[in-house]
Amino acid sequence: SPLGRALVSALVRRNNAVVGLVRRVAGVAQMRHLGAEPVIGDVRRPE
């Protein structure tokens, strides 16, 4: 999300290892571009 991307970017700039939960494949590329580890998933599915 717009807020999520801004937060991920800020966390990565501070040398944190970030795991970004995304619902769609497009989010994977966004996370990689920001320097985060993408994970595809749905908050409604705890597994």
ModelCIF file with pLDDT and N, C-alpha, C, O atoms, coordinates in Angstrom:
data_MODEL
#
_entry.id   MODEL 
#
_entity.id                         1 
_entity.type                       polymer 
_entity.pdbx_number_of_molecules   1 
#
_entity_poly.entity_id                      1 
_entity_poly.type                           'polypeptide(L)' 
_entity_poly.nstd_linkage                   no 
_entity_poly.nstd_monomer                   no 
_entity_poly.pdbx_seq_one_letter_code       SPLGRALVSALVRRNNAVVGLVRRVAGVAQMRHLGAEPVIGDVRRPE 
_entity_poly.pdbx_seq_one_letter_code_can   SPLGRALVSALVRRNNAVVGLVRRVAGVAQMRHLGAEPVIGDVRRPE 
_entity_poly.pdbx_strand_id                 A 
#
loop_
_entity_poly_seq.entity_id 
_entity_poly_seq.num 
_entity_poly_seq.mon_id 
_entity_poly_seq.hetero 
1 1  SER n 
1 2  PRO n 
1 3  LEU n 
1 4  GLY n 
1 5  ARG n 
1 6  ALA n 
1 7  LEU n 
1 8  VAL n 
1 9  SER n 
1 10 ALA n 
1 11 LEU n 
1 12 VAL n 
1 13 ARG n 
1 14 ARG n 
1 15 ASN n 
1 16 ASN n 
1 17 ALA n 
1 18 VAL n 
1 19 VAL n 
1 20 GLY n 
1 21 LEU n 
1 22 VAL n 
1 23 ARG n 
1 24 ARG n 
1 25 VAL n 
1 26 ALA n 
1 27 GLY n 
1 28 VAL n 
1 29 ALA n 
1 30 GLN n 
1 31 MET n 
1 32 ARG n 
1 33 HIS n 
1 34 LEU n 
1 35 GLY n 
1 36 ALA n 
1 37 GLU n 
1 38 PRO n 
1 39 VAL n 
1 40 ILE n 
1 41 GLY n 
1 42 ASP n 
1 43 VAL n 
1 44 ARG n 
1 45 ARG n 
1 46 PRO n 
1 47 GLU n 
#
_struct_asym.id          A 
_struct_asym.entity_id   1 
#
loop_
_ma_qa_metric.id 
_ma_qa_metric.mode 
_ma_qa_metric.name 
_ma_qa_metric.software_group_id 
_ma_qa_metric.type 
1 global pLDDT . pLDDT 
2 local  pLDDT . pLDDT 
#
_ma_qa_metric_global.metric_id      1 
_ma_qa_metric_global.metric_value   94.81 
_ma_qa_metric_global.model_id       1 
_ma_qa_metric_global.ordinal_id     1 
#
loop_
_ma_qa_metric_local.label_asym_id 
_ma_qa_metric_local.label_comp_id 
_ma_qa_metric_local.label_seq_id 
_ma_qa_metric_local.metric_id 
_ma_qa_metric_local.metric_value 
_ma_qa_metric_local.model_id 
_ma_qa_metric_local.ordinal_id 
A SER 1  2 94.00 1 1  
A PRO 2  2 94.00 1 2  
A LEU 3  2 95.00 1 3  
A GLY 4  2 96.00 1 4  
A ARG 5  2 97.00 1 5  
A ALA 6  2 97.00 1 6  
A LEU 7  2 98.00 1 7  
A VAL 8  2 98.00 1 8  
A SER 9  2 98.00 1 9  
A ALA 10 2 98.00 1 10 
A LEU 11 2 98.00 1 11 
A VAL 12 2 98.00 1 12 
A ARG 13 2 97.00 1 13 
A ARG 14 2 96.00 1 14 
A ASN 15 2 97.00 1 15 
A ASN 16 2 97.00 1 16 
A ALA 17 2 97.00 1 17 
A VAL 18 2 98.00 1 18 
A VAL 19 2 98.00 1 19 
A GLY 20 2 97.00 1 20 
A LEU 21 2 96.00 1 21 
A VAL 22 2 96.00 1 22 
A ARG 23 2 90.00 1 23 
A ARG 24 2 91.00 1 24 
A VAL 25 2 92.00 1 25 
A ALA 26 2 92.00 1 26 
A GLY 27 2 94.00 1 27 
A VAL 28 2 96.00 1 28 
A ALA 29 2 96.00 1 29 
A GLN 30 2 96.00 1 30 
A MET 31 2 97.00 1 31 
A ARG 32 2 97.00 1 32 
A HIS 33 2 97.00 1 33 
A LEU 34 2 97.00 1 34 
A GLY 35 2 97.00 1 35 
A ALA 36 2 98.00 1 36 
A GLU 37 2 97.00 1 37 
A PRO 38 2 97.00 1 38 
A VAL 39 2 96.00 1 39 
A ILE 40 2 94.00 1 40 
A GLY 41 2 92.00 1 41 
A ASP 42 2 90.00 1 42 
A VAL 43 2 90.00 1 43 
A ARG 44 2 87.00 1 44 
A ARG 45 2 87.00 1 45 
A PRO 46 2 83.00 1 46 
A GLU 47 2 83.00 1 47 
#
loop_
_atom_site.group_PDB 
_atom_site.id 
_atom_site.type_symbol 
_atom_site.label_atom_id 
_atom_site.label_alt_id 
_atom_site.label_comp_id 
_atom_site.label_asym_id 
_atom_site.label_entity_id 
_atom_site.label_seq_id 
_atom_site.pdbx_PDB_ins_code 
_atom_site.Cartn_x 
_atom_site.Cartn_y 
_atom_site.Cartn_z 
_atom_site.occupancy 
_atom_site.B_iso_or_equiv 
_atom_site.pdbx_formal_charge 
_atom_site.auth_seq_id 
_atom_site.auth_comp_id 
_atom_site.auth_asym_id 
_atom_site.auth_atom_id 
_atom_site.pdbx_PDB_model_num 
ATOM 1   N N  . SER A 1 1  ? 0.856  -1.196  0.000  1.00 94.00 ? 1  SER A N  1 
ATOM 2   C CA . SER A 1 1  ? 0.000  0.000   0.000  1.00 94.00 ? 1  SER A CA 1 
ATOM 3   C C  . SER A 1 1  ? 0.888  1.240   0.000  1.00 94.00 ? 1  SER A C  1 
ATOM 4   O O  . SER A 1 1  ? 2.083  1.136   0.274  1.00 94.00 ? 1  SER A O  1 
ATOM 5   N N  . PRO A 1 2  ? 0.332  2.405   -0.300 1.00 94.00 ? 2  PRO A N  1 
ATOM 6   C CA . PRO A 1 2  ? 1.153  3.619   -0.251 1.00 94.00 ? 2  PRO A CA 1 
ATOM 7   C C  . PRO A 1 2  ? 1.819  3.830   1.114  1.00 94.00 ? 2  PRO A C  1 
ATOM 8   O O  . PRO A 1 2  ? 3.006  4.150   1.180  1.00 94.00 ? 2  PRO A O  1 
ATOM 9   N N  . LEU A 1 3  ? 1.069  3.655   2.190  1.00 95.00 ? 3  LEU A N  1 
ATOM 10  C CA . LEU A 1 3  ? 1.641  3.789   3.529  1.00 95.00 ? 3  LEU A CA 1 
ATOM 11  C C  . LEU A 1 3  ? 2.680  2.698   3.780  1.00 95.00 ? 3  LEU A C  1 
ATOM 12  O O  . LEU A 1 3  ? 3.749  2.963   4.330  1.00 95.00 ? 3  LEU A O  1 
ATOM 13  N N  . GLY A 1 4  ? 2.358  1.472   3.374  1.00 96.00 ? 4  GLY A N  1 
ATOM 14  C CA . GLY A 1 4  ? 3.282  0.352   3.555  1.00 96.00 ? 4  GLY A CA 1 
ATOM 15  C C  . GLY A 1 4  ? 4.597  0.564   2.829  1.00 96.00 ? 4  GLY A C  1 
ATOM 16  O O  . GLY A 1 4  ? 5.665  0.321   3.391  1.00 96.00 ? 4  GLY A O  1 
ATOM 17  N N  . ARG A 1 5  ? 4.527  1.016   1.585  1.00 97.00 ? 5  ARG A N  1 
ATOM 18  C CA . ARG A 1 5  ? 5.762  1.253   0.814  1.00 97.00 ? 5  ARG A CA 1 
ATOM 19  C C  . ARG A 1 5  ? 6.619  2.326   1.471  1.00 97.00 ? 5  ARG A C  1 
ATOM 20  O O  . ARG A 1 5  ? 7.842  2.196   1.518  1.00 97.00 ? 5  ARG A O  1 
ATOM 21  N N  . ALA A 1 6  ? 5.993  3.382   1.978  1.00 97.00 ? 6  ALA A N  1 
ATOM 22  C CA . ALA A 1 6  ? 6.748  4.443   2.653  1.00 97.00 ? 6  ALA A CA 1 
ATOM 23  C C  . ALA A 1 6  ? 7.418  3.902   3.916  1.00 97.00 ? 6  ALA A C  1 
ATOM 24  O O  . ALA A 1 6  ? 8.575  4.220   4.188  1.00 97.00 ? 6  ALA A O  1 
ATOM 25  N N  . LEU A 1 7  ? 6.702  3.092   4.680  1.00 98.00 ? 7  LEU A N  1 
ATOM 26  C CA . LEU A 1 7  ? 7.264  2.516   5.901  1.00 98.00 ? 7  LEU A CA 1 
ATOM 27  C C  . LEU A 1 7  ? 8.388  1.542   5.576  1.00 98.00 ? 7  LEU A C  1 
ATOM 28  O O  . LEU A 1 7  ? 9.457  1.608   6.182  1.00 98.00 ? 7  LEU A O  1 
ATOM 29  N N  . VAL A 1 8  ? 8.159  0.639   4.624  1.00 98.00 ? 8  VAL A N  1 
ATOM 30  C CA . VAL A 1 8  ? 9.191  -0.327  4.226  1.00 98.00 ? 8  VAL A CA 1 
ATOM 31  C C  . VAL A 1 8  ? 10.453 0.408   3.787  1.00 98.00 ? 8  VAL A C  1 
ATOM 32  O O  . VAL A 1 8  ? 11.557 0.041   4.189  1.00 98.00 ? 8  VAL A O  1 
ATOM 33  N N  . SER A 1 9  ? 10.300 1.421   2.985  1.00 98.00 ? 9  SER A N  1 
ATOM 34  C CA . SER A 1 9  ? 11.437 2.202   2.506  1.00 98.00 ? 9  SER A CA 1 
ATOM 35  C C  . SER A 1 9  ? 12.208 2.818   3.676  1.00 98.00 ? 9  SER A C  1 
ATOM 36  O O  . SER A 1 9  ? 13.437 2.755   3.715  1.00 98.00 ? 9  SER A O  1 
ATOM 37  N N  . ALA A 1 10 ? 11.492 3.407   4.615  1.00 98.00 ? 10 ALA A N  1 
ATOM 38  C CA . ALA A 1 10 ? 12.133 4.028   5.778  1.00 98.00 ? 10 ALA A CA 1 
ATOM 39  C C  . ALA A 1 10 ? 12.851 2.983   6.640  1.00 98.00 ? 10 ALA A C  1 
ATOM 40  O O  . ALA A 1 10 ? 13.960 3.229   7.115  1.00 98.00 ? 10 ALA A O  1 
ATOM 41  N N  . LEU A 1 11 ? 12.230 1.835   6.840  1.00 98.00 ? 11 LEU A N  1 
ATOM 42  C CA . LEU A 1 11 ? 12.847 0.777   7.644  1.00 98.00 ? 11 LEU A CA 1 
ATOM 43  C C  . LEU A 1 11 ? 14.109 0.235   6.981  1.00 98.00 ? 11 LEU A C  1 
ATOM 44  O O  . LEU A 1 11 ? 15.111 -0.010  7.653  1.00 98.00 ? 11 LEU A O  1 
ATOM 45  N N  . VAL A 1 12 ? 14.060 0.048   5.671  1.00 98.00 ? 12 VAL A N  1 
ATOM 46  C CA . VAL A 1 12 ? 15.225 -0.456  4.926  1.00 98.00 ? 12 VAL A CA 1 
ATOM 47  C C  . VAL A 1 12 ? 16.361 0.565   4.983  1.00 98.00 ? 12 VAL A C  1 
ATOM 48  O O  . VAL A 1 12 ? 17.519 0.191   5.166  1.00 98.00 ? 12 VAL A O  1 
ATOM 49  N N  . ARG A 1 13 ? 16.040 1.841   4.829  1.00 97.00 ? 13 ARG A N  1 
ATOM 50  C CA . ARG A 1 13 ? 17.069 2.890   4.915  1.00 97.00 ? 13 ARG A CA 1 
ATOM 51  C C  . ARG A 1 13 ? 17.779 2.875   6.261  1.00 97.00 ? 13 ARG A C  1 
ATOM 52  O O  . ARG A 1 13 ? 18.932 3.293   6.367  1.00 97.00 ? 13 ARG A O  1 
ATOM 53  N N  . ARG A 1 14 ? 17.097 2.399   7.275  1.00 96.00 ? 14 ARG A N  1 
ATOM 54  C CA . ARG A 1 14 ? 17.685 2.315   8.614  1.00 96.00 ? 14 ARG A CA 1 
ATOM 55  C C  . ARG A 1 14 ? 18.325 0.941   8.862  1.00 96.00 ? 14 ARG A C  1 
ATOM 56  O O  . ARG A 1 14 ? 18.571 0.556   10.005 1.00 96.00 ? 14 ARG A O  1 
ATOM 57  N N  . ASN A 1 15 ? 18.587 0.219   7.785  1.00 97.00 ? 15 ASN A N  1 
ATOM 58  C CA . ASN A 1 15 ? 19.284 -1.079  7.808  1.00 97.00 ? 15 ASN A CA 1 
ATOM 59  C C  . ASN A 1 15 ? 18.515 -2.205  8.494  1.00 97.00 ? 15 ASN A C  1 
ATOM 60  O O  . ASN A 1 15 ? 19.123 -3.166  8.965  1.00 97.00 ? 15 ASN A O  1 
ATOM 61  N N  . ASN A 1 16 ? 17.200 -2.101  8.557  1.00 97.00 ? 16 ASN A N  1 
ATOM 62  C CA . ASN A 1 16 ? 16.395 -3.201  9.081  1.00 97.00 ? 16 ASN A CA 1 
ATOM 63  C C  . ASN A 1 16 ? 16.165 -4.224  7.979  1.00 97.00 ? 16 ASN A C  1 
ATOM 64  O O  . ASN A 1 16 ? 16.063 -3.867  6.805  1.00 97.00 ? 16 ASN A O  1 
ATOM 65  N N  . ALA A 1 17 ? 16.083 -5.477  8.352  1.00 97.00 ? 17 ALA A N  1 
ATOM 66  C CA . ALA A 1 17 ? 15.697 -6.538  7.429  1.00 97.00 ? 17 ALA A CA 1 
ATOM 67  C C  . ALA A 1 17 ? 14.171 -6.582  7.444  1.00 97.00 ? 17 ALA A C  1 
ATOM 68  O O  . ALA A 1 17 ? 13.571 -6.913  8.467  1.00 97.00 ? 17 ALA A O  1 
ATOM 69  N N  . VAL A 1 18 ? 13.548 -6.253  6.330  1.00 98.00 ? 18 VAL A N  1 
ATOM 70  C CA . VAL A 1 18 ? 12.096 -6.118  6.283  1.00 98.00 ? 18 VAL A CA 1 
ATOM 71  C C  . VAL A 1 18 ? 11.477 -7.261  5.492  1.00 98.00 ? 18 VAL A C  1 
ATOM 72  O O  . VAL A 1 18 ? 11.929 -7.596  4.397  1.00 98.00 ? 18 VAL A O  1 
ATOM 73  N N  . VAL A 1 19 ? 10.435 -7.851  6.067  1.00 98.00 ? 19 VAL A N  1 
ATOM 74  C CA . VAL A 1 19 ? 9.623  -8.858  5.393  1.00 98.00 ? 19 VAL A CA 1 
ATOM 75  C C  . VAL A 1 19 ? 8.289  -8.193  5.107  1.00 98.00 ? 19 VAL A C  1 
ATOM 76  O O  . VAL A 1 19 ? 7.574  -7.806  6.032  1.00 98.00 ? 19 VAL A O  1 
ATOM 77  N N  . GLY A 1 20 ? 7.947  -8.057  3.825  1.00 97.00 ? 20 GLY A N  1 
ATOM 78  C CA . GLY A 1 20 ? 6.720  -7.365  3.443  1.00 97.00 ? 20 GLY A CA 1 
ATOM 79  C C  . GLY A 1 20 ? 5.648  -8.331  2.974  1.00 97.00 ? 20 GLY A C  1 
ATOM 80  O O  . GLY A 1 20 ? 5.836  -9.037  1.983  1.00 97.00 ? 20 GLY A O  1 
ATOM 81  N N  . LEU A 1 21 ? 4.523  -8.367  3.682  1.00 96.00 ? 21 LEU A N  1 
ATOM 82  C CA . LEU A 1 21 ? 3.390  -9.209  3.301  1.00 96.00 ? 21 LEU A CA 1 
ATOM 83  C C  . LEU A 1 21 ? 2.573  -8.485  2.236  1.00 96.00 ? 21 LEU A C  1 
ATOM 84  O O  . LEU A 1 21 ? 2.090  -7.376  2.458  1.00 96.00 ? 21 LEU A O  1 
ATOM 85  N N  . VAL A 1 22 ? 2.425  -9.122  1.081  1.00 96.00 ? 22 VAL A N  1 
ATOM 86  C CA . VAL A 1 22 ? 1.654  -8.568  -0.034 1.00 96.00 ? 22 VAL A CA 1 
ATOM 87  C C  . VAL A 1 22 ? 0.624  -9.595  -0.486 1.00 96.00 ? 22 VAL A C  1 
ATOM 88  O O  . VAL A 1 22 ? 0.822  -10.796 -0.305 1.00 96.00 ? 22 VAL A O  1 
ATOM 89  N N  . ARG A 1 23 ? -0.476 -9.127  -1.075 1.00 90.00 ? 23 ARG A N  1 
ATOM 90  C CA . ARG A 1 23 ? -1.521 -10.046 -1.551 1.00 90.00 ? 23 ARG A CA 1 
ATOM 91  C C  . ARG A 1 23 ? -1.361 -10.414 -3.007 1.00 90.00 ? 23 ARG A C  1 
ATOM 92  O O  . ARG A 1 23 ? -1.815 -11.476 -3.432 1.00 90.00 ? 23 ARG A O  1 
ATOM 93  N N  . ARG A 1 24 ? -0.726 -9.557  -3.774 1.00 91.00 ? 24 ARG A N  1 
ATOM 94  C CA . ARG A 1 24 ? -0.660 -9.768  -5.220 1.00 91.00 ? 24 ARG A CA 1 
ATOM 95  C C  . ARG A 1 24 ? 0.782  -9.899  -5.693 1.00 91.00 ? 24 ARG A C  1 
ATOM 96  O O  . ARG A 1 24 ? 1.710  -9.438  -5.029 1.00 91.00 ? 24 ARG A O  1 
ATOM 97  N N  . VAL A 1 25 ? 0.954  -10.530 -6.839 1.00 92.00 ? 25 VAL A N  1 
ATOM 98  C CA . VAL A 1 25 ? 2.274  -10.736 -7.429 1.00 92.00 ? 25 VAL A CA 1 
ATOM 99  C C  . VAL A 1 25 ? 2.964  -9.395  -7.700 1.00 92.00 ? 25 VAL A C  1 
ATOM 100 O O  . VAL A 1 25 ? 4.184  -9.295  -7.572 1.00 92.00 ? 25 VAL A O  1 
ATOM 101 N N  . ALA A 1 26 ? 2.201  -8.368  -8.071 1.00 92.00 ? 26 ALA A N  1 
ATOM 102 C CA . ALA A 1 26 ? 2.796  -7.049  -8.330 1.00 92.00 ? 26 ALA A CA 1 
ATOM 103 C C  . ALA A 1 26 ? 3.523  -6.515  -7.097 1.00 92.00 ? 26 ALA A C  1 
ATOM 104 O O  . ALA A 1 26 ? 4.510  -5.789  -7.220 1.00 92.00 ? 26 ALA A O  1 
ATOM 105 N N  . GLY A 1 27 ? 3.043  -6.868  -5.934 1.00 94.00 ? 27 GLY A N  1 
ATOM 106 C CA . GLY A 1 27 ? 3.677  -6.423  -4.695 1.00 94.00 ? 27 GLY A CA 1 
ATOM 107 C C  . GLY A 1 27 ? 5.049  -7.027  -4.479 1.00 94.00 ? 27 GLY A C  1 
ATOM 108 O O  . GLY A 1 27 ? 5.888  -6.438  -3.798 1.00 94.00 ? 27 GLY A O  1 
ATOM 109 N N  . VAL A 1 28 ? 5.286  -8.201  -5.056 1.00 96.00 ? 28 VAL A N  1 
ATOM 110 C CA . VAL A 1 28 ? 6.590  -8.861  -4.932 1.00 96.00 ? 28 VAL A CA 1 
ATOM 111 C C  . VAL A 1 28 ? 7.676  -7.982  -5.536 1.00 96.00 ? 28 VAL A C  1 
ATOM 112 O O  . VAL A 1 28 ? 8.708  -7.746  -4.908 1.00 96.00 ? 28 VAL A O  1 
ATOM 113 N N  . ALA A 1 29 ? 7.449  -7.500  -6.742 1.00 96.00 ? 29 ALA A N  1 
ATOM 114 C CA . ALA A 1 29 ? 8.429  -6.631  -7.405 1.00 96.00 ? 29 ALA A CA 1 
ATOM 115 C C  . ALA A 1 29 ? 8.628  -5.339  -6.619 1.00 96.00 ? 29 ALA A C  1 
ATOM 116 O O  . ALA A 1 29 ? 9.750  -4.844  -6.510 1.00 96.00 ? 29 ALA A O  1 
ATOM 117 N N  . GLN A 1 30 ? 7.551  -4.795  -6.075 1.00 96.00 ? 30 GLN A N  1 
ATOM 118 C CA . GLN A 1 30 ? 7.664  -3.572  -5.279 1.00 96.00 ? 30 GLN A CA 1 
ATOM 119 C C  . GLN A 1 30 ? 8.563  -3.795  -4.067 1.00 96.00 ? 30 GLN A C  1 
ATOM 120 O O  . GLN A 1 30 ? 9.426  -2.969  -3.767 1.00 96.00 ? 30 GLN A O  1 
ATOM 121 N N  . MET A 1 31 ? 8.358  -4.916  -3.369 1.00 97.00 ? 31 MET A N  1 
ATOM 122 C CA . MET A 1 31 ? 9.162  -5.204  -2.180 1.00 97.00 ? 31 MET A CA 1 
ATOM 123 C C  . MET A 1 31 ? 10.630 -5.390  -2.547 1.00 97.00 ? 31 MET A C  1 
ATOM 124 O O  . MET A 1 31 ? 11.518 -4.876  -1.867 1.00 97.00 ? 31 MET A O  1 
ATOM 125 N N  . ARG A 1 32 ? 10.875 -6.122  -3.617 1.00 97.00 ? 32 ARG A N  1 
ATOM 126 C CA . ARG A 1 32 ? 12.266 -6.332  -4.044 1.00 97.00 ? 32 ARG A CA 1 
ATOM 127 C C  . ARG A 1 32 ? 12.920 -5.007  -4.415 1.00 97.00 ? 32 ARG A C  1 
ATOM 128 O O  . ARG A 1 32 ? 14.079 -4.770  -4.074 1.00 97.00 ? 32 ARG A O  1 
ATOM 129 N N  . HIS A 1 33 ? 12.189 -4.148  -5.108 1.00 97.00 ? 33 HIS A N  1 
ATOM 130 C CA . HIS A 1 33 ? 12.704 -2.837  -5.499 1.00 97.00 ? 33 HIS A CA 1 
ATOM 131 C C  . HIS A 1 33 ? 13.068 -1.997  -4.261 1.00 97.00 ? 33 HIS A C  1 
ATOM 132 O O  . HIS A 1 33 ? 14.032 -1.232  -4.287 1.00 97.00 ? 33 HIS A O  1 
ATOM 133 N N  . LEU A 1 34 ? 12.298 -2.145  -3.196 1.00 97.00 ? 34 LEU A N  1 
ATOM 134 C CA . LEU A 1 34 ? 12.547 -1.394  -1.963 1.00 97.00 ? 34 LEU A CA 1 
ATOM 135 C C  . LEU A 1 34 ? 13.618 -2.033  -1.080 1.00 97.00 ? 34 LEU A C  1 
ATOM 136 O O  . LEU A 1 34 ? 14.063 -1.435  -0.101 1.00 97.00 ? 34 LEU A O  1 
ATOM 137 N N  . GLY A 1 35 ? 14.027 -3.254  -1.435 1.00 97.00 ? 35 GLY A N  1 
ATOM 138 C CA . GLY A 1 35 ? 15.046 -3.939  -0.639 1.00 97.00 ? 35 GLY A CA 1 
ATOM 139 C C  . GLY A 1 35 ? 14.489 -4.809  0.468  1.00 97.00 ? 35 GLY A C  1 
ATOM 140 O O  . GLY A 1 35 ? 15.207 -5.159  1.405  1.00 97.00 ? 35 GLY A O  1 
ATOM 141 N N  . ALA A 1 36 ? 13.213 -5.164  0.371  1.00 98.00 ? 36 ALA A N  1 
ATOM 142 C CA . ALA A 1 36 ? 12.558 -6.005  1.376  1.00 98.00 ? 36 ALA A CA 1 
ATOM 143 C C  . ALA A 1 36 ? 12.346 -7.413  0.832  1.00 98.00 ? 36 ALA A C  1 
ATOM 144 O O  . ALA A 1 36 ? 12.359 -7.632  -0.379 1.00 98.00 ? 36 ALA A O  1 
ATOM 145 N N  . GLU A 1 37 ? 12.155 -8.345  1.728  1.00 97.00 ? 37 GLU A N  1 
ATOM 146 C CA . GLU A 1 37 ? 11.834 -9.731  1.373  1.00 97.00 ? 37 GLU A CA 1 
ATOM 147 C C  . GLU A 1 37 ? 10.319 -9.836  1.197  1.00 97.00 ? 37 GLU A C  1 
ATOM 148 O O  . GLU A 1 37 ? 9.581  -9.636  2.162  1.00 97.00 ? 37 GLU A O  1 
ATOM 149 N N  . PRO A 1 38 ? 9.839  -10.142 0.001  1.00 97.00 ? 38 PRO A N  1 
ATOM 150 C CA . PRO A 1 38 ? 8.393  -10.235 -0.204 1.00 97.00 ? 38 PRO A CA 1 
ATOM 151 C C  . PRO A 1 38 ? 7.835  -11.593 0.220  1.00 97.00 ? 38 PRO A C  1 
ATOM 152 O O  . PRO A 1 38 ? 8.474  -12.631 0.049  1.00 97.00 ? 38 PRO A O  1 
ATOM 153 N N  . VAL A 1 39 ? 6.640  -11.555 0.769  1.00 96.00 ? 39 VAL A N  1 
ATOM 154 C CA . VAL A 1 39 ? 5.898  -12.763 1.108  1.00 96.00 ? 39 VAL A CA 1 
ATOM 155 C C  . VAL A 1 39 ? 4.475  -12.553 0.620  1.00 96.00 ? 39 VAL A C  1 
ATOM 156 O O  . VAL A 1 39 ? 3.820  -11.586 1.008  1.00 96.00 ? 39 VAL A O  1 
ATOM 157 N N  . ILE A 1 40 ? 3.994  -13.454 -0.227 1.00 94.00 ? 40 ILE A N  1 
ATOM 158 C CA . ILE A 1 40 ? 2.610  -13.366 -0.690 1.00 94.00 ? 40 ILE A CA 1 
ATOM 159 C C  . ILE A 1 40 ? 1.731  -14.087 0.325  1.00 94.00 ? 40 ILE A C  1 
ATOM 160 O O  . ILE A 1 40 ? 2.003  -15.226 0.704  1.00 94.00 ? 40 ILE A O  1 
ATOM 161 N N  . GLY A 1 41 ? 0.680  -13.411 0.757  1.00 92.00 ? 41 GLY A N  1 
ATOM 162 C CA . GLY A 1 41 ? -0.213 -14.030 1.727  1.00 92.00 ? 41 GLY A CA 1 
ATOM 163 C C  . GLY A 1 41 ? -1.425 -13.158 1.984  1.00 92.00 ? 41 GLY A C  1 
ATOM 164 O O  . GLY A 1 41 ? -1.586 -12.089 1.396  1.00 92.00 ? 41 GLY A O  1 
ATOM 165 N N  . ASP A 1 42 ? -2.263 -13.635 2.866  1.00 90.00 ? 42 ASP A N  1 
ATOM 166 C CA . ASP A 1 42 ? -3.524 -12.983 3.201  1.00 90.00 ? 42 ASP A CA 1 
ATOM 167 C C  . ASP A 1 42 ? -3.633 -12.977 4.721  1.00 90.00 ? 42 ASP A C  1 
ATOM 168 O O  . ASP A 1 42 ? -3.485 -14.018 5.361  1.00 90.00 ? 42 ASP A O  1 
ATOM 169 N N  . VAL A 1 43 ? -3.892 -11.810 5.297  1.00 90.00 ? 43 VAL A N  1 
ATOM 170 C CA . VAL A 1 43 ? -3.979 -11.714 6.754  1.00 90.00 ? 43 VAL A CA 1 
ATOM 171 C C  . VAL A 1 43 ? -5.086 -12.585 7.334  1.00 90.00 ? 43 VAL A C  1 
ATOM 172 O O  . VAL A 1 43 ? -5.082 -12.876 8.530  1.00 90.00 ? 43 VAL A O  1 
ATOM 173 N N  . ARG A 1 44 ? -6.031 -13.004 6.502  1.00 87.00 ? 44 ARG A N  1 
ATOM 174 C CA . ARG A 1 44 ? -7.114 -13.870 6.977  1.00 87.00 ? 44 ARG A CA 1 
ATOM 175 C C  . ARG A 1 44 ? -6.695 -15.330 7.060  1.00 87.00 ? 44 ARG A C  1 
ATOM 176 O O  . ARG A 1 44 ? -7.467 -16.171 7.520  1.00 87.00 ? 44 ARG A O  1 
ATOM 177 N N  . ARG A 1 45 ? -5.475 -15.640 6.616  1.00 87.00 ? 45 ARG A N  1 
ATOM 178 C CA . ARG A 1 45 ? -4.993 -17.020 6.604  1.00 87.00 ? 45 ARG A CA 1 
ATOM 179 C C  . ARG A 1 45 ? -3.730 -17.118 7.457  1.00 87.00 ? 45 ARG A C  1 
ATOM 180 O O  . ARG A 1 45 ? -2.619 -16.964 6.950  1.00 87.00 ? 45 ARG A O  1 
ATOM 181 N N  . PRO A 1 46 ? -3.903 -17.375 8.754  1.00 83.00 ? 46 PRO A N  1 
ATOM 182 C CA . PRO A 1 46 ? -2.749 -17.391 9.664  1.00 83.00 ? 46 PRO A CA 1 
ATOM 183 C C  . PRO A 1 46 ? -1.670 -18.389 9.263  1.00 83.00 ? 46 PRO A C  1 
ATOM 184 O O  . PRO A 1 46 ? -0.495 -18.178 9.561  1.00 83.00 ? 46 PRO A O  1 
ATOM 185 N N  . GLU A 1 47 ? -2.049 -19.459 8.599  1.00 83.00 ? 47 GLU A N  1 
ATOM 186 C CA . GLU A 1 47 ? -1.049 -20.450 8.184  1.00 83.00 ? 47 GLU A CA 1 
ATOM 187 C C  . GLU A 1 47 ? -0.066 -19.864 7.174  1.00 83.00 ? 47 GLU A C  1 
ATOM 188 O O  . GLU A 1 47 ? 0.841  -20.562 6.720  1.00 83.00 ? 47 GLU A O  1 
#
